[in-house]
Amino acid sequence: MDIVRRLVADRPVVIFSRSTCCMSHSIKTLISSFGANPTVYELDQIPNGKQIERALVQQLGCQPSVPTVFIGQEFVGGDKQVMSLQVRNELGSLLRKAGAIWI
């Protein structure tokens, strides 16, 4: 979990993703549509991706393991949780609070 904490530290929005995952793409597109510039780690394209994915599953219980979203260094969840925030009109304010967007 330390590796995940280090990757998330000091970044307003972090998305752990896979380059071939359609839901990861949808969540990246949704968050970017607010004007945020998320830090994205494509677990299938980085050397320690399997280790990070294992930590996400074991420590956070992420099932499926991607997409996994952190906003303001806090674990938000996966695609369902992010979409739920959007439906409840709470995603924008969460991004503002984290300093990911200014308007």
N, C-alpha and C. Protein backbone atom coordinates (compact mmCIF):
# COMPACT_ATOMS: atom_id res chain seq x y z
N MET A 1 0.83 -1.20 0.00
CA MET A 1 0.00 0.00 0.00
C MET A 1 0.86 1.26 0.00
N ASP A 2 2.08 1.15 0.50
CA ASP A 2 2.97 2.32 0.50
C ASP A 2 3.22 2.83 -0.90
N ILE A 3 3.34 1.92 -1.84
CA ILE A 3 3.58 2.34 -3.22
C ILE A 3 2.39 3.14 -3.75
N VAL A 4 1.19 2.73 -3.42
CA VAL A 4 -0.01 3.46 -3.85
C VAL A 4 -0.04 4.83 -3.19
N ARG A 5 0.25 4.90 -1.91
CA ARG A 5 0.27 6.19 -1.19
C ARG A 5 1.26 7.15 -1.82
N ARG A 6 2.44 6.64 -2.18
CA ARG A 6 3.45 7.50 -2.80
C ARG A 6 2.98 8.03 -4.16
N LEU A 7 2.32 7.19 -4.93
CA LEU A 7 1.85 7.60 -6.25
C LEU A 7 0.71 8.61 -6.17
N VAL A 8 -0.05 8.55 -5.10
CA VAL A 8 -1.22 9.42 -4.93
C VAL A 8 -0.85 10.74 -4.25
N ALA A 9 0.22 10.74 -3.49
CA ALA A 9 0.60 11.92 -2.69
C ALA A 9 0.75 13.17 -3.56
N ASP A 10 0.23 14.26 -3.06
CA ASP A 10 0.38 15.58 -3.67
C ASP A 10 -0.22 15.70 -5.06
N ARG A 11 -1.14 14.84 -5.41
CA ARG A 11 -1.80 14.94 -6.71
C ARG A 11 -3.31 15.03 -6.47
N PRO A 12 -3.96 16.01 -7.10
CA PRO A 12 -5.39 16.19 -6.84
C PRO A 12 -6.26 15.02 -7.31
N VAL A 13 -5.91 14.44 -8.47
CA VAL A 13 -6.71 13.32 -9.01
C VAL A 13 -5.75 12.27 -9.58
N VAL A 14 -5.92 11.04 -9.12
CA VAL A 14 -5.13 9.92 -9.63
C VAL A 14 -6.09 8.81 -10.05
N ILE A 15 -5.84 8.27 -11.23
CA ILE A 15 -6.64 7.16 -11.74
C ILE A 15 -5.70 6.01 -12.07
N PHE A 16 -5.95 4.86 -11.46
CA PHE A 16 -5.25 3.64 -11.84
C PHE A 16 -6.13 2.96 -12.87
N SER A 17 -5.53 2.65 -14.01
CA SER A 17 -6.29 2.25 -15.18
C SER A 17 -5.58 1.13 -15.92
N ARG A 18 -6.23 0.65 -16.95
CA ARG A 18 -5.62 -0.23 -17.95
C ARG A 18 -5.93 0.38 -19.30
N SER A 19 -4.97 0.38 -20.17
CA SER A 19 -5.15 1.04 -21.47
C SER A 19 -6.25 0.40 -22.30
N THR A 20 -6.59 -0.85 -22.02
CA THR A 20 -7.61 -1.56 -22.81
C THR A 20 -8.98 -1.60 -22.14
N CYS A 21 -9.14 -0.95 -21.00
CA CYS A 21 -10.39 -1.01 -20.24
C CYS A 21 -11.32 0.13 -20.65
N CYS A 22 -12.49 -0.24 -21.17
CA CYS A 22 -13.44 0.79 -21.64
C CYS A 22 -13.99 1.63 -20.48
N MET A 23 -14.18 1.03 -19.31
CA MET A 23 -14.69 1.81 -18.17
C MET A 23 -13.62 2.78 -17.66
N SER A 24 -12.37 2.36 -17.69
CA SER A 24 -11.29 3.28 -17.33
C SER A 24 -11.29 4.48 -18.27
N HIS A 25 -11.44 4.21 -19.55
CA HIS A 25 -11.48 5.29 -20.53
C HIS A 25 -12.66 6.23 -20.25
N SER A 26 -13.81 5.68 -19.93
CA SER A 26 -14.99 6.50 -19.64
C SER A 26 -14.77 7.38 -18.42
N ILE A 27 -14.18 6.84 -17.38
CA ILE A 27 -13.94 7.62 -16.16
C ILE A 27 -12.89 8.71 -16.41
N LYS A 28 -11.83 8.39 -17.15
CA LYS A 28 -10.83 9.40 -17.50
C LYS A 28 -11.47 10.52 -18.30
N THR A 29 -12.33 10.17 -19.24
CA THR A 29 -13.01 11.17 -20.07
C THR A 29 -13.94 12.03 -19.23
N LEU A 30 -14.69 11.40 -18.34
CA LEU A 30 -15.62 12.15 -17.47
C LEU A 30 -14.86 13.15 -16.61
N ILE A 31 -13.83 12.72 -15.94
CA ILE A 31 -13.09 13.62 -15.05
C ILE A 31 -12.40 14.72 -15.85
N SER A 32 -11.86 14.38 -17.00
CA SER A 32 -11.22 15.39 -17.85
C SER A 32 -12.22 16.40 -18.39
N SER A 33 -13.49 15.98 -18.55
CA SER A 33 -14.50 16.90 -19.08
C SER A 33 -14.79 18.06 -18.13
N PHE A 34 -14.42 17.92 -16.87
CA PHE A 34 -14.55 19.01 -15.90
C PHE A 34 -13.40 20.00 -16.02
N GLY A 35 -12.39 19.65 -16.80
CA GLY A 35 -11.20 20.49 -16.92
C GLY A 35 -10.07 20.01 -16.04
N ALA A 36 -10.27 18.91 -15.36
CA ALA A 36 -9.21 18.35 -14.51
C ALA A 36 -8.17 17.64 -15.39
N ASN A 37 -6.97 17.57 -14.89
CA ASN A 37 -5.90 16.87 -15.58
C ASN A 37 -5.41 15.75 -14.66
N PRO A 38 -6.10 14.62 -14.66
CA PRO A 38 -5.75 13.55 -13.72
C PRO A 38 -4.40 12.92 -14.04
N THR A 39 -3.73 12.48 -13.00
CA THR A 39 -2.54 11.65 -13.18
C THR A 39 -3.05 10.24 -13.39
N VAL A 40 -2.66 9.64 -14.51
CA VAL A 40 -3.17 8.32 -14.87
C VAL A 40 -2.00 7.33 -14.90
N TYR A 41 -2.17 6.24 -14.18
CA TYR A 41 -1.20 5.15 -14.21
C TYR A 41 -1.84 3.97 -14.93
N GLU A 42 -1.33 3.68 -16.13
CA GLU A 42 -1.82 2.53 -16.90
C GLU A 42 -1.09 1.29 -16.41
N LEU A 43 -1.76 0.49 -15.61
CA LEU A 43 -1.11 -0.63 -14.94
C LEU A 43 -0.58 -1.69 -15.89
N ASP A 44 -1.11 -1.74 -17.09
CA ASP A 44 -0.60 -2.70 -18.08
C ASP A 44 0.59 -2.16 -18.86
N GLN A 45 1.01 -0.93 -18.55
CA GLN A 45 2.11 -0.32 -19.30
C GLN A 45 3.27 0.14 -18.42
N ILE A 46 3.18 -0.04 -17.12
CA ILE A 46 4.28 0.36 -16.25
C ILE A 46 4.90 -0.89 -15.62
N PRO A 47 6.21 -0.83 -15.34
CA PRO A 47 6.93 -2.02 -14.86
C PRO A 47 6.35 -2.66 -13.60
N ASN A 48 5.92 -1.87 -12.63
CA ASN A 48 5.42 -2.43 -11.37
C ASN A 48 3.88 -2.45 -11.33
N GLY A 49 3.25 -2.49 -12.48
CA GLY A 49 1.80 -2.45 -12.57
C GLY A 49 1.11 -3.60 -11.85
N LYS A 50 1.65 -4.80 -11.97
CA LYS A 50 1.03 -5.96 -11.30
C LYS A 50 1.12 -5.82 -9.79
N GLN A 51 2.23 -5.31 -9.29
CA GLN A 51 2.39 -5.09 -7.85
C GLN A 51 1.39 -4.05 -7.34
N ILE A 52 1.21 -2.98 -8.09
CA ILE A 52 0.24 -1.94 -7.71
C ILE A 52 -1.17 -2.50 -7.75
N GLU A 53 -1.48 -3.25 -8.78
CA GLU A 53 -2.81 -3.84 -8.91
C GLU A 53 -3.10 -4.79 -7.74
N ARG A 54 -2.12 -5.57 -7.35
CA ARG A 54 -2.28 -6.48 -6.20
C ARG A 54 -2.57 -5.69 -4.93
N ALA A 55 -1.87 -4.57 -4.74
CA ALA A 55 -2.10 -3.73 -3.55
C ALA A 55 -3.51 -3.14 -3.58
N LEU A 56 -3.98 -2.72 -4.73
CA LEU A 56 -5.33 -2.16 -4.84
C LEU A 56 -6.39 -3.20 -4.47
N VAL A 57 -6.18 -4.43 -4.91
CA VAL A 57 -7.14 -5.50 -4.62
C VAL A 57 -7.06 -5.91 -3.15
N GLN A 58 -5.86 -6.15 -2.65
CA GLN A 58 -5.69 -6.67 -1.29
C GLN A 58 -5.96 -5.63 -0.22
N GLN A 59 -5.48 -4.41 -0.41
CA GLN A 59 -5.59 -3.40 0.64
C GLN A 59 -6.89 -2.60 0.59
N LEU A 60 -7.38 -2.37 -0.63
CA LEU A 60 -8.58 -1.55 -0.77
C LEU A 60 -9.82 -2.34 -1.16
N GLY A 61 -9.61 -3.59 -1.55
CA GLY A 61 -10.74 -4.43 -1.93
C GLY A 61 -11.34 -4.08 -3.28
N CYS A 62 -10.56 -3.47 -4.14
CA CYS A 62 -11.05 -3.07 -5.45
C CYS A 62 -11.35 -4.29 -6.32
N GLN A 63 -12.60 -4.44 -6.70
CA GLN A 63 -13.03 -5.52 -7.60
C GLN A 63 -14.04 -4.95 -8.57
N PRO A 64 -13.75 -4.80 -9.82
CA PRO A 64 -12.48 -5.07 -10.47
C PRO A 64 -11.43 -4.04 -10.04
N SER A 65 -10.19 -4.34 -10.35
CA SER A 65 -9.10 -3.51 -9.86
C SER A 65 -8.99 -2.16 -10.57
N VAL A 66 -9.53 -2.04 -11.77
CA VAL A 66 -9.50 -0.76 -12.49
C VAL A 66 -10.88 -0.46 -13.05
N PRO A 67 -11.24 0.79 -13.18
CA PRO A 67 -10.48 1.95 -12.72
C PRO A 67 -10.58 2.12 -11.20
N THR A 68 -9.53 2.64 -10.63
CA THR A 68 -9.52 3.01 -9.22
C THR A 68 -9.17 4.49 -9.15
N VAL A 69 -10.00 5.26 -8.46
CA VAL A 69 -9.88 6.72 -8.47
C VAL A 69 -9.62 7.25 -7.06
N PHE A 70 -8.65 8.16 -6.99
CA PHE A 70 -8.37 8.92 -5.77
C PHE A 70 -8.57 10.38 -6.11
N ILE A 71 -9.30 11.09 -5.27
CA ILE A 71 -9.49 12.54 -5.43
C ILE A 71 -9.10 13.19 -4.11
N GLY A 72 -8.18 14.14 -4.18
CA GLY A 72 -7.68 14.78 -2.97
C GLY A 72 -7.00 13.79 -2.04
N GLN A 73 -6.27 12.86 -2.60
CA GLN A 73 -5.55 11.80 -1.89
C GLN A 73 -6.47 10.84 -1.14
N GLU A 74 -7.76 10.93 -1.37
CA GLU A 74 -8.72 10.04 -0.73
C GLU A 74 -9.24 9.03 -1.76
N PHE A 75 -9.35 7.79 -1.33
CA PHE A 75 -9.88 6.73 -2.18
C PHE A 75 -11.37 6.97 -2.40
N VAL A 76 -11.75 7.14 -3.67
CA VAL A 76 -13.16 7.35 -4.02
C VAL A 76 -13.82 6.03 -4.37
N GLY A 77 -13.13 5.21 -5.15
CA GLY A 77 -13.67 3.92 -5.56
C GLY A 77 -13.44 3.68 -7.03
N GLY A 78 -14.32 2.91 -7.60
CA GLY A 78 -14.21 2.55 -9.01
C GLY A 78 -15.21 3.31 -9.86
N ASP A 79 -15.52 2.75 -11.00
CA ASP A 79 -16.42 3.41 -11.95
C ASP A 79 -17.81 3.65 -11.37
N LYS A 80 -18.34 2.70 -10.63
CA LYS A 80 -19.69 2.86 -10.09
C LYS A 80 -19.76 4.01 -9.09
N GLN A 81 -18.75 4.12 -8.24
CA GLN A 81 -18.74 5.19 -7.24
C GLN A 81 -18.59 6.56 -7.90
N VAL A 82 -17.70 6.64 -8.90
CA VAL A 82 -17.50 7.92 -9.59
C VAL A 82 -18.77 8.31 -10.35
N MET A 83 -19.39 7.37 -11.04
CA MET A 83 -20.63 7.66 -11.76
C MET A 83 -21.75 8.07 -10.80
N SER A 84 -21.78 7.45 -9.63
CA SER A 84 -22.77 7.81 -8.62
C SER A 84 -22.56 9.25 -8.15
N LEU A 85 -21.31 9.63 -7.95
CA LEU A 85 -21.02 11.03 -7.59
C LEU A 85 -21.49 11.99 -8.68
N GLN A 86 -21.29 11.60 -9.93
CA GLN A 86 -21.72 12.45 -11.04
C GLN A 86 -23.25 12.57 -11.08
N VAL A 87 -23.94 11.46 -10.91
CA VAL A 87 -25.40 11.48 -10.95
C VAL A 87 -25.96 12.35 -9.82
N ARG A 88 -25.31 12.30 -8.66
CA ARG A 88 -25.76 13.11 -7.52
C ARG A 88 -25.23 14.55 -7.58
N ASN A 89 -24.55 14.88 -8.70
CA ASN A 89 -24.00 16.22 -8.90
C ASN A 89 -22.98 16.60 -7.82
N GLU A 90 -22.18 15.63 -7.37
CA GLU A 90 -21.19 15.87 -6.33
C GLU A 90 -19.75 15.78 -6.84
N LEU A 91 -19.57 15.27 -8.05
CA LEU A 91 -18.21 15.07 -8.56
C LEU A 91 -17.49 16.40 -8.76
N GLY A 92 -18.16 17.37 -9.35
CA GLY A 92 -17.55 18.68 -9.59
C GLY A 92 -17.08 19.35 -8.31
N SER A 93 -17.91 19.33 -7.29
CA SER A 93 -17.51 19.97 -6.03
C SER A 93 -16.36 19.23 -5.36
N LEU A 94 -16.33 17.92 -5.50
CA LEU A 94 -15.22 17.13 -4.95
C LEU A 94 -13.91 17.48 -5.68
N LEU A 95 -13.98 17.64 -7.00
CA LEU A 95 -12.80 18.02 -7.78
C LEU A 95 -12.34 19.44 -7.40
N ARG A 96 -13.28 20.36 -7.18
CA ARG A 96 -12.93 21.72 -6.75
C ARG A 96 -12.26 21.69 -5.39
N LYS A 97 -12.83 20.96 -4.47
CA LYS A 97 -12.29 20.87 -3.11
C LYS A 97 -10.86 20.32 -3.12
N ALA A 98 -10.57 19.39 -4.03
CA ALA A 98 -9.25 18.80 -4.12
C ALA A 98 -8.25 19.69 -4.85
N GLY A 99 -8.73 20.76 -5.46
CA GLY A 99 -7.85 21.66 -6.21
C GLY A 99 -7.57 21.18 -7.62
N ALA A 100 -8.39 20.25 -8.11
CA ALA A 100 -8.20 19.73 -9.46
C ALA A 100 -8.78 20.67 -10.51
N ILE A 101 -9.80 21.43 -10.13
CA ILE A 101 -10.39 22.44 -11.00
C ILE A 101 -10.63 23.69 -10.18
N TRP A 102 -10.80 24.83 -10.85
CA TRP A 102 -10.94 26.07 -10.13
C TRP A 102 -12.29 26.72 -10.32
N ILE A 103 -13.06 26.30 -11.29
CA ILE A 103 -14.35 26.97 -11.57
C ILE A 103 -15.48 26.10 -11.07
